[in-house]
Amino acid sequence: MSTPTEVVHNADHQRFEVQQDGHLAVLDYRRAGNQIIFTHTGVPGELEGRGIGSALAKAGLAYARENGLEVVPLCPFVRSYIERKPEYQDMVSKASSGGFA
């Protein structure tokens, strides 16, 4: 049975984190005005296949929605996640929305 994934927002380091089995997975971001720019998702090989990347993306996007931020998905993983989840596509910055409906 897998452990529930708890995502922590580490605002000081501008990232969302999951600590599991002694490994750290992260979703890094930068803030620029009313935008949040997701720059990198890193999930160690030992944690792959557990849905941790998706949990990080979901938490980051929930934070963006709660704070009224436009999303700039520079990270390919986050971009792909948004492409598969239409409920987040309205949050993508119009300047970076190429390929979204």
C-alpha atoms as a PDB file:
ATOM      1  CA  MET A   1       0.000   0.000   0.000  1.00  0.00           C
ATOM      2  CA  SER A   2       1.400   3.407  -0.929  1.00  0.00           C
ATOM      3  CA  THR A   3       1.772   6.290   1.484  1.00  0.00           C
ATOM      4  CA  PRO A   4      -0.539   9.270   0.850  1.00  0.00           C
ATOM      5  CA  THR A   5       1.352  12.080  -0.856  1.00  0.00           C
ATOM      6  CA  GLU A   6       1.613  15.225   1.275  1.00  0.00           C
ATOM      7  CA  VAL A   7       2.702  18.273  -0.694  1.00  0.00           C
ATOM      8  CA  VAL A   8       4.274  21.129   1.264  1.00  0.00           C
ATOM      9  CA  HIS A   9       4.569  24.671  -0.094  1.00  0.00           C
ATOM     10  CA  ASN A  10       8.057  25.952   0.728  1.00  0.00           C
ATOM     11  CA  ALA A  11       7.570  29.633  -0.105  1.00  0.00           C
ATOM     12  CA  ASP A  12      11.071  30.567   1.089  1.00  0.00           C
ATOM     13  CA  HIS A  13      12.589  28.349  -1.622  1.00  0.00           C
ATOM     14  CA  GLN A  14       9.780  29.014  -4.151  1.00  0.00           C
ATOM     15  CA  ARG A  15       8.844  25.384  -4.575  1.00  0.00           C
ATOM     16  CA  PHE A  16       6.373  22.691  -3.683  1.00  0.00           C
ATOM     17  CA  GLU A  17       7.884  19.610  -2.054  1.00  0.00           C
ATOM     18  CA  VAL A  18       7.129  15.981  -1.340  1.00  0.00           C
ATOM     19  CA  GLN A  19       9.391  14.160   1.107  1.00  0.00           C
ATOM     20  CA  GLN A  20       8.980  10.397   0.857  1.00  0.00           C
ATOM     21  CA  ASP A  21      11.158   7.402   1.703  1.00  0.00           C
ATOM     22  CA  GLY A  22      14.115   9.697   2.355  1.00  0.00           C
ATOM     23  CA  HIS A  23      13.863  11.385  -1.066  1.00  0.00           C
ATOM     24  CA  LEU A  24      12.773  14.897  -2.016  1.00  0.00           C
ATOM     25  CA  ALA A  25      10.637  15.682  -5.086  1.00  0.00           C
ATOM     26  CA  VAL A  26      10.082  19.318  -6.048  1.00  0.00           C
ATOM     27  CA  LEU A  27       8.152  21.660  -8.311  1.00  0.00           C
ATOM     28  CA  ASP A  28      10.152  24.886  -8.633  1.00  0.00           C
ATOM     29  CA  TYR A  29       8.565  28.206  -9.538  1.00  0.00           C
ATOM     30  CA  ARG A  30       9.230  31.936  -9.775  1.00  0.00           C
ATOM     31  CA  ARG A  31       6.778  34.763  -9.142  1.00  0.00           C
ATOM     32  CA  ALA A  32       6.574  37.727 -11.501  1.00  0.00           C
ATOM     33  CA  GLY A  33       3.786  40.178 -10.747  1.00  0.00           C
ATOM     34  CA  ASN A  34       0.477  38.357 -11.122  1.00  0.00           C
ATOM     35  CA  GLN A  35       2.151  35.308 -12.694  1.00  0.00           C
ATOM     36  CA  ILE A  36       3.587  32.087 -11.355  1.00  0.00           C
ATOM     37  CA  ILE A  37       6.202  30.558 -13.629  1.00  0.00           C
ATOM     38  CA  PHE A  38       6.639  26.812 -13.135  1.00  0.00           C
ATOM     39  CA  THR A  39      10.243  26.109 -14.118  1.00  0.00           C
ATOM     40  CA  HIS A  40      11.101  22.534 -13.135  1.00  0.00           C
ATOM     41  CA  THR A  41       9.645  19.347 -11.709  1.00  0.00           C
ATOM     42  CA  GLY A  42      12.143  16.937 -10.208  1.00  0.00           C
ATOM     43  CA  VAL A  43      11.144  13.480  -9.015  1.00  0.00           C
ATOM     44  CA  PRO A  44      13.934  11.064  -8.060  1.00  0.00           C
ATOM     45  CA  GLY A  45      13.890   7.718  -9.852  1.00  0.00           C
ATOM     46  CA  GLU A  46      13.092   5.963  -6.582  1.00  0.00           C
ATOM     47  CA  LEU A  47       9.781   7.851  -6.419  1.00  0.00           C
ATOM     48  CA  GLU A  48       8.733   7.618 -10.072  1.00  0.00           C
ATOM     49  CA  GLY A  49       5.439   5.975 -10.933  1.00  0.00           C
ATOM     50  CA  ARG A  50       3.727   6.985  -7.680  1.00  0.00           C
ATOM     51  CA  GLY A  51       1.866  10.032  -9.002  1.00  0.00           C
ATOM     52  CA  ILE A  52       4.119  12.428  -7.118  1.00  0.00           C
ATOM     53  CA  GLY A  53       4.773  14.667 -10.124  1.00  0.00           C
ATOM     54  CA  SER A  54       1.031  14.966 -10.671  1.00  0.00           C
ATOM     55  CA  ALA A  55       0.466  15.724  -6.977  1.00  0.00           C
ATOM     56  CA  LEU A  56       3.067  18.505  -7.173  1.00  0.00           C
ATOM     57  CA  ALA A  57       1.485  19.972 -10.320  1.00  0.00           C
ATOM     58  CA  LYS A  58      -2.003  19.806  -8.803  1.00  0.00           C
ATOM     59  CA  ALA A  59      -0.827  21.568  -5.620  1.00  0.00           C
ATOM     60  CA  GLY A  60       0.995  24.272  -7.572  1.00  0.00           C
ATOM     61  CA  LEU A  61      -2.001  24.907  -9.788  1.00  0.00           C
ATOM     62  CA  ALA A  62      -4.356  24.987  -6.786  1.00  0.00           C
ATOM     63  CA  TYR A  63      -2.100  27.611  -5.189  1.00  0.00           C
ATOM     64  CA  ALA A  64      -2.157  29.636  -8.415  1.00  0.00           C
ATOM     65  CA  ARG A  65      -5.960  29.465  -8.613  1.00  0.00           C
ATOM     66  CA  GLU A  66      -6.427  30.393  -4.936  1.00  0.00           C
ATOM     67  CA  ASN A  67      -4.184  33.429  -5.407  1.00  0.00           C
ATOM     68  CA  GLY A  68      -5.575  34.565  -8.773  1.00  0.00           C
ATOM     69  CA  LEU A  69      -2.269  34.016 -10.573  1.00  0.00           C
ATOM     70  CA  GLU A  70      -1.706  33.458 -14.286  1.00  0.00           C
ATOM     71  CA  VAL A  71       0.307  30.324 -14.987  1.00  0.00           C
ATOM     72  CA  VAL A  72       3.373  30.224 -17.228  1.00  0.00           C
ATOM     73  CA  PRO A  73       4.200  26.514 -17.644  1.00  0.00           C
ATOM     74  CA  LEU A  74       7.861  26.536 -18.727  1.00  0.00           C
ATOM     75  CA  CYS A  75       8.301  23.096 -17.174  1.00  0.00           C
ATOM     76  CA  PRO A  76       7.392  20.420 -19.766  1.00  0.00           C
ATOM     77  CA  PHE A  77       5.803  18.199 -17.107  1.00  0.00           C
ATOM     78  CA  VAL A  78       3.467  20.935 -15.861  1.00  0.00           C
ATOM     79  CA  ARG A  79       2.645  21.940 -19.437  1.00  0.00           C
ATOM     80  CA  SER A  80       1.743  18.332 -20.275  1.00  0.00           C
ATOM     81  CA  TYR A  81      -0.314  18.038 -17.067  1.00  0.00           C
ATOM     82  CA  ILE A  82      -2.326  21.139 -18.002  1.00  0.00           C
ATOM     83  CA  GLU A  83      -2.868  19.808 -21.533  1.00  0.00           C
ATOM     84  CA  ARG A  84      -4.486  16.694 -20.008  1.00  0.00           C
ATOM     85  CA  LYS A  85      -6.579  18.672 -17.482  1.00  0.00           C
ATOM     86  CA  PRO A  86      -8.920  21.168 -19.185  1.00  0.00           C
ATOM     87  CA  GLU A  87      -9.992  22.605 -15.813  1.00  0.00           C
ATOM     88  CA  TYR A  88      -6.604  24.351 -15.550  1.00  0.00           C
ATOM     89  CA  GLN A  89      -6.274  25.682 -19.098  1.00  0.00           C
ATOM     90  CA  ASP A  90      -8.068  28.961 -18.332  1.00  0.00           C
ATOM     91  CA  MET A  91      -5.258  29.831 -15.908  1.00  0.00           C
ATOM     92  CA  VAL A  92      -2.486  29.768 -18.510  1.00  0.00           C
ATOM     93  CA  SER A  93      -1.085  33.182 -19.395  1.00  0.00           C
ATOM     94  CA  LYS A  94      -2.370  34.220 -22.820  1.00  0.00           C
ATOM     95  CA  ALA A  95       1.207  35.088 -23.840  1.00  0.00           C
ATOM     96  CA  SER A  96       2.313  31.488 -23.200  1.00  0.00           C
ATOM     97  CA  SER A  97      -0.850  29.579 -24.105  1.00  0.00           C
ATOM     98  CA  GLY A  98       0.232  28.295 -27.511  1.00  0.00           C
ATOM     99  CA  GLY A  99      -1.419  24.931 -28.004  1.00  0.00           C
ATOM    100  CA  PHE A 100      -4.117  25.366 -25.352  1.00  0.00           C
ATOM    101  CA  ALA A 101      -7.769  25.813 -26.217  1.00  0.00           C
END
